[in-house]
PDB file of N, CA and C in Angstrom:
ATOM      1  N   UNK A   1      44.702  38.348  51.559  1.00  0.00           N
ATOM      2  CA  UNK A   1      44.873  37.338  50.552  1.00  0.00           C
ATOM      3  C   UNK A   1      44.304  37.853  49.230  1.00  0.00           C
ATOM      4  N   UNK A   2      44.763  37.286  48.148  1.00  0.00           N
ATOM      5  CA  UNK A   2      44.399  37.825  46.840  1.00  0.00           C
ATOM      6  C   UNK A   2      43.550  36.847  46.031  1.00  0.00           C
ATOM      7  N   UNK A   3      43.060  37.354  44.927  1.00  0.00           N
ATOM      8  CA  UNK A   3      42.300  36.532  43.993  1.00  0.00           C
ATOM      9  C   UNK A   3      43.180  35.397  43.449  1.00  0.00           C
ATOM     10  N   UNK A   4      44.481  35.634  43.327  1.00  0.00           N
ATOM     11  CA  UNK A   4      45.399  34.589  42.872  1.00  0.00           C
ATOM     12  C   UNK A   4      45.406  33.412  43.836  1.00  0.00           C
ATOM     13  N   UNK A   5      45.263  33.686  45.147  1.00  0.00           N
ATOM     14  CA  UNK A   5      45.203  32.607  46.135  1.00  0.00           C
ATOM     15  C   UNK A   5      43.963  31.744  45.922  1.00  0.00           C
ATOM     16  N   UNK A   6      42.823  32.396  45.665  1.00  0.00           N
ATOM     17  CA  UNK A   6      41.589  31.649  45.384  1.00  0.00           C
ATOM     18  C   UNK A   6      41.777  30.758  44.169  1.00  0.00           C
ATOM     19  N   UNK A   7      42.348  31.314  43.107  1.00  0.00           N
ATOM     20  CA  UNK A   7      42.571  30.551  41.881  1.00  0.00           C
ATOM     21  C   UNK A   7      43.519  29.375  42.122  1.00  0.00           C
ATOM     22  N   UNK A   8      44.554  29.592  42.926  1.00  0.00           N
ATOM     23  CA  UNK A   8      45.529  28.531  43.209  1.00  0.00           C
ATOM     24  C   UNK A   8      44.879  27.391  43.981  1.00  0.00           C
ATOM     25  N   UNK A   9      44.034  27.705  44.956  1.00  0.00           N
ATOM     26  CA  UNK A   9      43.334  26.653  45.710  1.00  0.00           C
ATOM     27  C   UNK A   9      42.435  25.858  44.777  1.00  0.00           C
ATOM     28  N   UNK A  10      41.678  26.549  43.949  1.00  0.00           N
ATOM     29  CA  UNK A  10      40.779  25.885  43.008  1.00  0.00           C
ATOM     30  C   UNK A  10      41.552  24.961  42.066  1.00  0.00           C
ATOM     31  N   UNK A  11      42.635  25.464  41.500  1.00  0.00           N
ATOM     32  CA  UNK A  11      43.427  24.659  40.569  1.00  0.00           C
ATOM     33  C   UNK A  11      44.050  23.450  41.261  1.00  0.00           C
ATOM     34  N   UNK A  12      44.524  23.625  42.489  1.00  0.00           N
ATOM     35  CA  UNK A  12      45.105  22.512  43.243  1.00  0.00           C
ATOM     36  C   UNK A  12      44.084  21.406  43.453  1.00  0.00           C
ATOM     37  N   UNK A  13      42.862  21.772  43.799  1.00  0.00           N
ATOM     38  CA  UNK A  13      41.815  20.777  44.026  1.00  0.00           C
ATOM     39  C   UNK A  13      41.410  20.061  42.745  1.00  0.00           C
ATOM     40  N   UNK A  14      41.555  20.716  41.628  1.00  0.00           N
ATOM     41  CA  UNK A  14      41.125  20.150  40.346  1.00  0.00           C
ATOM     42  C   UNK A  14      42.190  19.282  39.672  1.00  0.00           C
ATOM     43  N   UNK A  15      43.440  19.367  40.100  1.00  0.00           N
ATOM     44  CA  UNK A  15      44.497  18.590  39.473  1.00  0.00           C
ATOM     45  C   UNK A  15      44.651  17.239  40.173  1.00  0.00           C
ATOM     46  N   UNK A  16      44.435  16.139  39.460  1.00  0.00           N
ATOM     47  CA  UNK A  16      44.624  14.843  40.106  1.00  0.00           C
ATOM     48  C   UNK A  16      46.101  14.614  40.345  1.00  0.00           C
ATOM     49  N   UNK A  17      46.498  13.929  41.337  1.00  0.00           N
ATOM     50  CA  UNK A  17      45.707  13.315  42.398  1.00  0.00           C
ATOM     51  C   UNK A  17      45.656  14.166  43.657  1.00  0.00           C
ATOM     52  N   UNK A  18      45.382  15.442  43.555  1.00  0.00           N
ATOM     53  CA  UNK A  18      45.423  16.345  44.708  1.00  0.00           C
ATOM     54  C   UNK A  18      44.483  15.894  45.822  1.00  0.00           C
ATOM     55  N   UNK A  19      43.281  15.510  45.468  1.00  0.00           N
ATOM     56  CA  UNK A  19      42.303  15.134  46.486  1.00  0.00           C
ATOM     57  C   UNK A  19      41.748  13.761  46.140  1.00  0.00           C
ATOM     58  N   UNK A  20      41.790  12.852  47.093  1.00  0.00           N
ATOM     59  CA  UNK A  20      41.237  11.505  46.910  1.00  0.00           C
ATOM     60  C   UNK A  20      40.089  11.319  47.892  1.00  0.00           C
ATOM     61  N   UNK A  21      39.103  10.577  47.470  1.00  0.00           N
ATOM     62  CA  UNK A  21      37.970  10.291  48.341  1.00  0.00           C
ATOM     63  C   UNK A  21      36.993   9.396  47.625  1.00  0.00           C
ATOM     64  N   UNK A  22      35.938   9.010  48.319  1.00  0.00           N
ATOM     65  CA  UNK A  22      34.967   8.113  47.702  1.00  0.00           C
ATOM     66  C   UNK A  22      34.230   8.791  46.550  1.00  0.00           C
ATOM     67  N   UNK A  23      34.184   8.109  45.428  1.00  0.00           N
ATOM     68  CA  UNK A  23      33.441   8.621  44.267  1.00  0.00           C
ATOM     69  C   UNK A  23      32.001   8.153  44.379  1.00  0.00           C
ATOM     70  N   UNK A  24      30.999   8.802  43.896  1.00  0.00           N
ATOM     71  CA  UNK A  24      31.068  10.092  43.224  1.00  0.00           C
ATOM     72  C   UNK A  24      30.969  11.258  44.200  1.00  0.00           C
ATOM     73  N   UNK A  25      30.892  10.981  45.483  1.00  0.00           N
ATOM     74  CA  UNK A  25      30.697  12.031  46.485  1.00  0.00           C
ATOM     75  C   UNK A  25      31.761  13.116  46.398  1.00  0.00           C
ATOM     76  N   UNK A  26      33.016  12.728  46.186  1.00  0.00           N
ATOM     77  CA  UNK A  26      34.086  13.717  46.126  1.00  0.00           C
ATOM     78  C   UNK A  26      33.860  14.696  44.984  1.00  0.00           C
ATOM     79  N   UNK A  27      33.506  14.200  43.821  1.00  0.00           N
ATOM     80  CA  UNK A  27      33.283  15.073  42.672  1.00  0.00           C
ATOM     81  C   UNK A  27      32.160  16.064  42.955  1.00  0.00           C
ATOM     82  N   UNK A  28      31.159  15.646  43.708  1.00  0.00           N
ATOM     83  CA  UNK A  28      30.052  16.546  44.069  1.00  0.00           C
ATOM     84  C   UNK A  28      30.523  17.668  44.973  1.00  0.00           C
ATOM     85  N   UNK A  29      31.521  17.403  45.807  1.00  0.00           N
ATOM     86  CA  UNK A  29      31.989  18.391  46.778  1.00  0.00           C
ATOM     87  C   UNK A  29      32.997  19.379  46.209  1.00  0.00           C
ATOM     88  N   UNK A  30      33.718  18.974  45.187  1.00  0.00           N
ATOM     89  CA  UNK A  30      34.725  19.881  44.632  1.00  0.00           C
ATOM     90  C   UNK A  30      34.048  21.123  44.073  1.00  0.00           C
ATOM     91  N   UNK A  31      34.636  22.281  44.294  1.00  0.00           N
ATOM     92  CA  UNK A  31      34.023  23.522  43.806  1.00  0.00           C
ATOM     93  C   UNK A  31      33.923  23.548  42.292  1.00  0.00           C
ATOM     94  N   UNK A  32      32.850  24.108  41.802  1.00  0.00           N
ATOM     95  CA  UNK A  32      32.626  24.210  40.362  1.00  0.00           C
ATOM     96  C   UNK A  32      33.155  25.529  39.802  1.00  0.00           C
ATOM     97  N   UNK A  33      33.474  26.456  40.684  1.00  0.00           N
ATOM     98  CA  UNK A  33      33.953  27.775  40.286  1.00  0.00           C
ATOM     99  C   UNK A  33      35.121  28.171  41.175  1.00  0.00           C
ATOM    100  N   UNK A  34      36.108  28.894  40.644  1.00  0.00           N
ATOM    101  CA  UNK A  34      37.237  29.309  41.468  1.00  0.00           C
ATOM    102  C   UNK A  34      36.895  30.408  42.478  1.00  0.00           C
ATOM    103  N   UNK A  35      35.717  30.993  42.388  1.00  0.00           N
ATOM    104  CA  UNK A  35      35.343  32.098  43.269  1.00  0.00           C
ATOM    105  C   UNK A  35      34.960  31.573  44.648  1.00  0.00           C
ATOM    106  N   UNK A  36      35.727  31.953  45.646  1.00  0.00           N
ATOM    107  CA  UNK A  36      35.455  31.577  47.031  1.00  0.00           C
ATOM    108  C   UNK A  36      34.454  32.547  47.636  1.00  0.00           C
ATOM    109  N   UNK A  37      33.498  32.027  48.384  1.00  0.00           N
ATOM    110  CA  UNK A  37      32.491  32.872  49.026  1.00  0.00           C
ATOM    111  C   UNK A  37      33.109  33.766  50.107  1.00  0.00           C
ATOM    112  N   UNK A  38      34.252  33.360  50.660  1.00  0.00           N
ATOM    113  CA  UNK A  38      34.869  34.136  51.745  1.00  0.00           C
ATOM    114  C   UNK A  38      36.251  34.652  51.381  1.00  0.00           C
ATOM    115  N   UNK A  39      36.605  34.621  50.105  1.00  0.00           N
ATOM    116  CA  UNK A  39      37.981  34.963  49.755  1.00  0.00           C
ATOM    117  C   UNK A  39      38.879  33.842  50.251  1.00  0.00           C
ATOM    118  N   UNK A  40      40.017  34.171  50.818  1.00  0.00           N
ATOM    119  CA  UNK A  40      40.873  33.166  51.447  1.00  0.00           C
ATOM    120  C   UNK A  40      41.196  33.609  52.857  1.00  0.00           C
ATOM    121  N   UNK A  41      41.515  32.632  53.695  1.00  0.00           N
ATOM    122  CA  UNK A  41      41.883  32.941  55.078  1.00  0.00           C
ATOM    123  C   UNK A  41      43.050  32.055  55.487  1.00  0.00           C
ATOM    124  N   UNK A  42      43.903  32.595  56.360  1.00  0.00           N
ATOM    125  CA  UNK A  42      45.070  31.851  56.833  1.00  0.00           C
ATOM    126  C   UNK A  42      44.653  30.885  57.926  1.00  0.00           C
ATOM    127  N   UNK A  43      45.374  29.758  57.969  1.00  0.00           N
ATOM    128  CA  UNK A  43      45.033  28.691  58.901  1.00  0.00           C
ATOM    129  C   UNK A  43      46.293  27.884  59.170  1.00  0.00           C
ATOM    130  N   UNK A  44      46.405  27.322  60.352  1.00  0.00           N
ATOM    131  CA  UNK A  44      47.515  26.442  60.684  1.00  0.00           C
ATOM    132  C   UNK A  44      46.930  25.121  61.193  1.00  0.00           C
ATOM    133  N   UNK A  45      47.372  24.033  60.578  1.00  0.00           N
ATOM    134  CA  UNK A  45      46.924  22.698  60.975  1.00  0.00           C
ATOM    135  C   UNK A  45      48.160  21.838  61.168  1.00  0.00           C
ATOM    136  N   UNK A  46      48.260  21.192  62.313  1.00  0.00           N
ATOM    137  CA  UNK A  46      49.371  20.288  62.631  1.00  0.00           C
ATOM    138  C   UNK A  46      50.727  20.967  62.430  1.00  0.00           C
ATOM    139  N   UNK A  47      50.811  22.237  62.784  1.00  0.00           N
ATOM    140  CA  UNK A  47      52.064  22.967  62.681  1.00  0.00           C
ATOM    141  C   UNK A  47      52.429  23.419  61.277  1.00  0.00           C
ATOM    142  N   UNK A  48      51.529  23.224  60.327  1.00  0.00           N
ATOM    143  CA  UNK A  48      51.784  23.655  58.953  1.00  0.00           C
ATOM    144  C   UNK A  48      50.832  24.786  58.606  1.00  0.00           C
ATOM    145  N   UNK A  49      51.364  25.795  57.928  1.00  0.00           N
ATOM    146  CA  UNK A  49      50.555  26.948  57.555  1.00  0.00           C
ATOM    147  C   UNK A  49      49.907  26.722  56.196  1.00  0.00           C
ATOM    148  N   UNK A  50      48.750  27.342  56.024  1.00  0.00           N
ATOM    149  CA  UNK A  50      48.076  27.212  54.749  1.00  0.00           C
ATOM    150  C   UNK A  50      46.968  28.235  54.588  1.00  0.00           C
ATOM    151  N   UNK A  51      46.178  28.007  53.560  1.00  0.00           N
ATOM    152  CA  UNK A  51      45.062  28.885  53.237  1.00  0.00           C
ATOM    153  C   UNK A  51      43.791  28.062  53.092  1.00  0.00           C
ATOM    154  N   UNK A  52      42.680  28.677  53.429  1.00  0.00           N
ATOM    155  CA  UNK A  52      41.387  28.052  53.245  1.00  0.00           C
ATOM    156  C   UNK A  52      40.513  28.913  52.356  1.00  0.00           C
ATOM    157  N   UNK A  53      39.518  28.275  51.740  1.00  0.00           N
ATOM    158  CA  UNK A  53      38.545  28.962  50.899  1.00  0.00           C
ATOM    159  C   UNK A  53      37.179  28.324  51.139  1.00  0.00           C
ATOM    160  N   UNK A  54      36.120  29.094  50.941  1.00  0.00           N
ATOM    161  CA  UNK A  54      34.753  28.655  51.232  1.00  0.00           C
ATOM    162  C   UNK A  54      33.950  28.514  49.945  1.00  0.00           C
ATOM    163  N   UNK A  55      33.207  27.411  49.839  1.00  0.00           N
ATOM    164  CA  UNK A  55      32.413  27.173  48.639  1.00  0.00           C
ATOM    165  C   UNK A  55      31.041  26.634  49.013  1.00  0.00           C
ATOM    166  N   UNK A  56      30.076  26.965  48.211  1.00  0.00           N
ATOM    167  CA  UNK A  56      28.789  26.290  48.234  1.00  0.00           C
ATOM    168  C   UNK A  56      28.857  25.296  47.095  1.00  0.00           C
ATOM    169  N   UNK A  57      28.719  24.019  47.412  1.00  0.00           N
ATOM    170  CA  UNK A  57      28.859  22.983  46.394  1.00  0.00           C
ATOM    171  C   UNK A  57      27.815  23.161  45.311  1.00  0.00           C
ATOM    172  N   UNK A  58      28.251  23.056  44.061  1.00  0.00           N
ATOM    173  CA  UNK A  58      27.341  23.270  42.945  1.00  0.00           C
ATOM    174  C   UNK A  58      26.316  22.173  42.760  1.00  0.00           C
ATOM    175  N   UNK A  59      26.694  20.922  43.030  1.00  0.00           N
ATOM    176  CA  UNK A  59      25.807  19.802  42.767  1.00  0.00           C
ATOM    177  C   UNK A  59      24.957  19.402  43.961  1.00  0.00           C
ATOM    178  N   UNK A  60      25.273  19.887  45.136  1.00  0.00           N
ATOM    179  CA  UNK A  60      24.509  19.552  46.332  1.00  0.00           C
ATOM    180  C   UNK A  60      24.261  20.828  47.114  1.00  0.00           C
ATOM    181  N   UNK A  61      23.567  20.706  48.213  1.00  0.00           N
ATOM    182  CA  UNK A  61      23.348  21.877  49.064  1.00  0.00           C
ATOM    183  C   UNK A  61      24.423  21.984  50.141  1.00  0.00           C
ATOM    184  N   UNK A  62      25.511  21.269  49.981  1.00  0.00           N
ATOM    185  CA  UNK A  62      26.581  21.262  50.972  1.00  0.00           C
ATOM    186  C   UNK A  62      27.427  22.521  50.909  1.00  0.00           C
ATOM    187  N   UNK A  63      27.943  22.896  52.059  1.00  0.00           N
ATOM    188  CA  UNK A  63      28.983  23.917  52.138  1.00  0.00           C
ATOM    189  C   UNK A  63      30.309  23.187  52.235  1.00  0.00           C
ATOM    190  N   UNK A  64      31.338  23.744  51.617  1.00  0.00           N
ATOM    191  CA  UNK A  64      32.650  23.113  51.598  1.00  0.00           C
ATOM    192  C   UNK A  64      33.706  24.152  51.949  1.00  0.00           C
ATOM    193  N   UNK A  65      34.587  23.771  52.865  1.00  0.00           N
ATOM    194  CA  UNK A  65      35.773  24.573  53.157  1.00  0.00           C
ATOM    195  C   UNK A  65      36.962  23.763  52.653  1.00  0.00           C
ATOM    196  N   UNK A  66      37.709  24.328  51.725  1.00  0.00           N
ATOM    197  CA  UNK A  66      38.903  23.686  51.191  1.00  0.00           C
ATOM    198  C   UNK A  66      40.114  24.317  51.858  1.00  0.00           C
ATOM    199  N   UNK A  67      41.013  23.473  52.368  1.00  0.00           N
ATOM    200  CA  UNK A  67      42.216  23.945  53.041  1.00  0.00           C
ATOM    201  C   UNK A  67      43.417  23.303  52.367  1.00  0.00           C
ATOM    202  N   UNK A  68      44.379  24.117  52.002  1.00  0.00           N
ATOM    203  CA  UNK A  68      45.647  23.646  51.443  1.00  0.00           C
ATOM    204  C   UNK A  68      46.725  24.063  52.438  1.00  0.00           C
ATOM    205  N   UNK A  69      47.416  23.067  53.025  1.00  0.00           N
ATOM    206  CA  UNK A  69      48.478  23.353  53.996  1.00  0.00           C
ATOM    207  C   UNK A  69      49.748  22.637  53.556  1.00  0.00           C
ATOM    208  N   UNK A  70      50.878  23.189  53.952  1.00  0.00           N
ATOM    209  CA  UNK A  70      52.136  22.528  53.600  1.00  0.00           C
ATOM    210  C   UNK A  70      53.226  22.888  54.584  1.00  0.00           C
ATOM    211  N   UNK A  71      54.172  21.990  54.661  1.00  0.00           N
ATOM    212  CA  UNK A  71      55.381  22.182  55.447  1.00  0.00           C
ATOM    213  C   UNK A  71      56.568  21.925  54.538  1.00  0.00           C
ATOM    214  N   UNK A  72      57.772  21.860  55.096  1.00  0.00           N
ATOM    215  CA  UNK A  72      58.952  21.667  54.255  1.00  0.00           C
ATOM    216  C   UNK A  72      59.000  20.298  53.569  1.00  0.00           C
ATOM    217  N   UNK A  73      58.319  19.287  54.132  1.00  0.00           N
ATOM    218  CA  UNK A  73      58.424  17.935  53.583  1.00  0.00           C
ATOM    219  C   UNK A  73      57.144  17.424  52.943  1.00  0.00           C
ATOM    220  N   UNK A  74      56.000  17.965  53.301  1.00  0.00           N
ATOM    221  CA  UNK A  74      54.747  17.452  52.771  1.00  0.00           C
ATOM    222  C   UNK A  74      53.656  18.495  52.841  1.00  0.00           C
ATOM    223  N   UNK A  75      52.566  18.207  52.156  1.00  0.00           N
ATOM    224  CA  UNK A  75      51.425  19.111  52.158  1.00  0.00           C
ATOM    225  C   UNK A  75      50.139  18.321  52.038  1.00  0.00           C
ATOM    226  N   UNK A  76      49.037  18.957  52.351  1.00  0.00           N
ATOM    227  CA  UNK A  76      47.730  18.312  52.320  1.00  0.00           C
ATOM    228  C   UNK A  76      46.702  19.242  51.692  1.00  0.00           C
ATOM    229  N   UNK A  77      45.759  18.637  50.999  1.00  0.00           N
ATOM    230  CA  UNK A  77      44.530  19.307  50.585  1.00  0.00           C
ATOM    231  C   UNK A  77      43.421  18.623  51.363  1.00  0.00           C
ATOM    232  N   UNK A  78      42.683  19.383  52.163  1.00  0.00           N
ATOM    233  CA  UNK A  78      41.637  18.815  53.011  1.00  0.00           C
ATOM    234  C   UNK A  78      40.318  19.510  52.686  1.00  0.00           C
ATOM    235  N   UNK A  79      39.273  18.718  52.486  1.00  0.00           N
ATOM    236  CA  UNK A  79      37.937  19.264  52.276  1.00  0.00           C
ATOM    237  C   UNK A  79      37.087  18.970  53.495  1.00  0.00           C
ATOM    238  N   UNK A  80      36.495  20.011  54.040  1.00  0.00           N
ATOM    239  CA  UNK A  80      35.527  19.875  55.115  1.00  0.00           C
ATOM    240  C   UNK A  80      34.165  20.187  54.507  1.00  0.00           C
ATOM    241  N   UNK A  81      33.175  19.323  54.737  1.00  0.00           N
ATOM    242  CA  UNK A  81      31.853  19.600  54.170  1.00  0.00           C
ATOM    243  C   UNK A  81      30.768  19.291  55.192  1.00  0.00           C
ATOM    244  N   UNK A  82      29.667  19.983  55.035  1.00  0.00           N
ATOM    245  CA  UNK A  82      28.501  19.748  55.881  1.00  0.00           C
ATOM    246  C   UNK A  82      27.271  20.228  55.127  1.00  0.00           C
ATOM    247  N   UNK A  83      26.273  19.369  55.068  1.00  0.00           N
ATOM    248  CA  UNK A  83      25.080  19.725  54.299  1.00  0.00           C
ATOM    249  C   UNK A  83      24.103  20.572  55.097  1.00  0.00           C
ATOM    250  N   UNK A  84      24.270  20.618  56.405  1.00  0.00           N
ATOM    251  CA  UNK A  84      23.312  21.355  57.233  1.00  0.00           C
ATOM    252  C   UNK A  84      23.840  22.697  57.726  1.00  0.00           C
ATOM    253  N   UNK A  85      24.965  23.141  57.181  1.00  0.00           N
ATOM    254  CA  UNK A  85      25.548  24.403  57.655  1.00  0.00           C
ATOM    255  C   UNK A  85      25.878  25.295  56.467  1.00  0.00           C
ATOM    256  N   UNK A  86      25.754  26.593  56.671  1.00  0.00           N
ATOM    257  CA  UNK A  86      26.209  27.513  55.631  1.00  0.00           C
ATOM    258  C   UNK A  86      27.729  27.636  55.732  1.00  0.00           C
ATOM    259  N   UNK A  87      28.336  28.240  54.726  1.00  0.00           N
ATOM    260  CA  UNK A  87      29.797  28.292  54.715  1.00  0.00           C
ATOM    261  C   UNK A  87      30.367  29.087  55.876  1.00  0.00           C
ATOM    262  N   UNK A  88      29.649  30.103  56.353  1.00  0.00           N
ATOM    263  CA  UNK A  88      30.165  30.905  57.475  1.00  0.00           C
ATOM    264  C   UNK A  88      30.312  30.061  58.743  1.00  0.00           C
ATOM    265  N   UNK A  89      29.277  29.287  59.066  1.00  0.00           N
ATOM    266  CA  UNK A  89      29.354  28.483  60.290  1.00  0.00           C
ATOM    267  C   UNK A  89      30.332  27.324  60.122  1.00  0.00           C
ATOM    268  N   UNK A  90      30.432  26.750  58.916  1.00  0.00           N
ATOM    269  CA  UNK A  90      31.398  25.682  58.690  1.00  0.00           C
ATOM    270  C   UNK A  90      32.823  26.220  58.784  1.00  0.00           C
ATOM    271  N   UNK A  91      33.065  27.410  58.265  1.00  0.00           N
ATOM    272  CA  UNK A  91      34.392  28.033  58.377  1.00  0.00           C
ATOM    273  C   UNK A  91      34.762  28.210  59.846  1.00  0.00           C
ATOM    274  N   UNK A  92      33.814  28.691  60.666  1.00  0.00           N
ATOM    275  CA  UNK A  92      34.072  28.850  62.097  1.00  0.00           C
ATOM    276  C   UNK A  92      34.419  27.516  62.752  1.00  0.00           C
ATOM    277  N   UNK A  93      33.717  26.441  62.365  1.00  0.00           N
ATOM    278  CA  UNK A  93      34.002  25.111  62.917  1.00  0.00           C
ATOM    279  C   UNK A  93      35.397  24.641  62.524  1.00  0.00           C
ATOM    280  N   UNK A  94      35.775  24.858  61.267  1.00  0.00           N
ATOM    281  CA  UNK A  94      37.105  24.448  60.800  1.00  0.00           C
ATOM    282  C   UNK A  94      38.185  25.207  61.564  1.00  0.00           C
ATOM    283  N   UNK A  95      38.006  26.495  61.747  1.00  0.00           N
ATOM    284  CA  UNK A  95      38.984  27.295  62.496  1.00  0.00           C
ATOM    285  C   UNK A  95      39.080  26.807  63.936  1.00  0.00           C
ATOM    286  N   UNK A  96      37.944  26.446  64.539  1.00  0.00           N
ATOM    287  CA  UNK A  96      37.957  25.917  65.907  1.00  0.00           C
ATOM    288  C   UNK A  96      38.634  24.551  65.988  1.00  0.00           C
ATOM    289  N   UNK A  97      38.444  23.706  64.964  1.00  0.00           N
ATOM    290  CA  UNK A  97      39.030  22.361  64.952  1.00  0.00           C
ATOM    291  C   UNK A  97      40.520  22.351  64.625  1.00  0.00           C
ATOM    292  N   UNK A  98      40.982  23.317  63.875  1.00  0.00           N
ATOM    293  CA  UNK A  98      42.355  23.314  63.356  1.00  0.00           C
ATOM    294  C   UNK A  98      43.428  23.057  64.415  1.00  0.00           C
ATOM    295  N   UNK A  99      43.369  23.674  65.592  1.00  0.00           N
ATOM    296  CA  UNK A  99      44.425  23.424  66.581  1.00  0.00           C
ATOM    297  C   UNK A  99      44.448  21.993  67.127  1.00  0.00           C
ATOM    298  N   UNK A 100      43.372  21.243  66.948  1.00  0.00           N
ATOM    299  CA  UNK A 100      43.325  19.887  67.499  1.00  0.00           C
ATOM    300  C   UNK A 100      43.992  18.851  66.594  1.00  0.00           C
ATOM    301  N   UNK A 101      44.339  19.203  65.363  1.00  0.00           N
ATOM    302  CA  UNK A 101      44.993  18.261  64.462  1.00  0.00           C
ATOM    303  C   UNK A 101      46.441  18.064  64.878  1.00  0.00           C
ATOM    304  N   UNK A 102      46.873  16.814  64.862  1.00  0.00           N
ATOM    305  CA  UNK A 102      48.265  16.466  65.177  1.00  0.00           C
ATOM    306  C   UNK A 102      48.808  15.621  64.030  1.00  0.00           C
ATOM    307  N   UNK A 103      50.090  15.693  63.807  1.00  0.00           N
ATOM    308  CA  UNK A 103      50.741  14.913  62.777  1.00  0.00           C
ATOM    309  C   UNK A 103      51.833  14.086  63.427  1.00  0.00           C
ATOM    310  N   UNK A 104      51.752  12.759  63.273  1.00  0.00           N
ATOM    311  CA  UNK A 104      52.784  11.868  63.793  1.00  0.00           C
ATOM    312  C   UNK A 104      53.653  11.425  62.645  1.00  0.00           C
ATOM    313  N   UNK A 105      54.936  11.522  62.842  1.00  0.00           N
ATOM    314  CA  UNK A 105      55.879  11.089  61.814  1.00  0.00           C
ATOM    315  C   UNK A 105      56.673   9.912  62.347  1.00  0.00           C
ATOM    316  N   UNK A 106      56.569   8.798  61.663  1.00  0.00           N
ATOM    317  CA  UNK A 106      57.324   7.604  62.027  1.00  0.00           C
ATOM    318  C   UNK A 106      58.660   7.626  61.307  1.00  0.00           C
ATOM    319  N   UNK A 107      59.700   7.198  62.004  1.00  0.00           N
ATOM    320  CA  UNK A 107      61.015   7.128  61.393  1.00  0.00           C
ATOM    321  C   UNK A 107      61.581   5.742  61.623  1.00  0.00           C
ATOM    322  N   UNK A 108      62.055   5.112  60.573  1.00  0.00           N
ATOM    323  CA  UNK A 108      62.616   3.777  60.680  1.00  0.00           C
ATOM    324  C   UNK A 108      61.529   2.719  60.755  1.00  0.00           C
ATOM    325  N   UNK A 109      61.914   1.470  60.504  1.00  0.00           N
ATOM    326  CA  UNK A 109      60.965   0.363  60.473  1.00  0.00           C
ATOM    327  C   UNK A 109      60.293   0.123  61.817  1.00  0.00           C
ATOM    328  N   UNK A 110      61.045   0.204  62.921  1.00  0.00           N
ATOM    329  CA  UNK A 110      60.466  -0.059  64.242  1.00  0.00           C
ATOM    330  C   UNK A 110      59.395   0.966  64.580  1.00  0.00           C
ATOM    331  N   UNK A 111      59.659   2.231  64.323  1.00  0.00           N
ATOM    332  CA  UNK A 111      58.676   3.282  64.586  1.00  0.00           C
ATOM    333  C   UNK A 111      57.457   3.130  63.690  1.00  0.00           C
ATOM    334  N   UNK A 112      57.685   2.786  62.429  1.00  0.00           N
ATOM    335  CA  UNK A 112      56.587   2.608  61.500  1.00  0.00           C
ATOM    336  C   UNK A 112      55.685   1.453  61.940  1.00  0.00           C
ATOM    337  N   UNK A 113      56.280   0.324  62.335  1.00  0.00           N
ATOM    338  CA  UNK A 113      55.486  -0.826  62.769  1.00  0.00           C
ATOM    339  C   UNK A 113      54.721  -0.494  64.054  1.00  0.00           C
ATOM    340  N   UNK A 114      55.306   0.267  64.943  1.00  0.00           N
ATOM    341  CA  UNK A 114      54.625   0.668  66.167  1.00  0.00           C
ATOM    342  C   UNK A 114      53.423   1.546  65.827  1.00  0.00           C
ATOM    343  N   UNK A 115      53.574   2.434  64.882  1.00  0.00           N
ATOM    344  CA  UNK A 115      52.487   3.324  64.484  1.00  0.00           C
ATOM    345  C   UNK A 115      51.375   2.556  63.803  1.00  0.00           C
ATOM    346  N   UNK A 116      51.716   1.576  62.956  1.00  0.00           N
ATOM    347  CA  UNK A 116      50.714   0.790  62.232  1.00  0.00           C
ATOM    348  C   UNK A 116      49.850  -0.007  63.187  1.00  0.00           C
ATOM    349  N   UNK A 117      50.440  -0.542  64.254  1.00  0.00           N
ATOM    350  CA  UNK A 117      49.655  -1.327  65.226  1.00  0.00           C
ATOM    351  C   UNK A 117      48.689  -0.440  65.925  1.00  0.00           C
TER     352      UNK A 117
END
């Protein structure tokens, strides 16, 4: 992966409405610099391929792994954070968790109502 990938992840996270979450906590977790501590790494979540980057949060002592994944119809920006782990161990946890994510797609009103219940 290249430095351009790191820059793209950083820019994606900084452009609203890329990432939503409770304020002000989300702003504290977003990386303050485009430089990833681990470069970038490939990852697959819910059958979609993407890239991850590792950050030490500037405003807190949290480690943050940012993952940008996409498929033909949709994409996600996901932030994983933990205040008691360094970025290396958090990255390992994210890689271990990635295969457990599933994506359910509802089609039509009946399927949507079944999913909502």
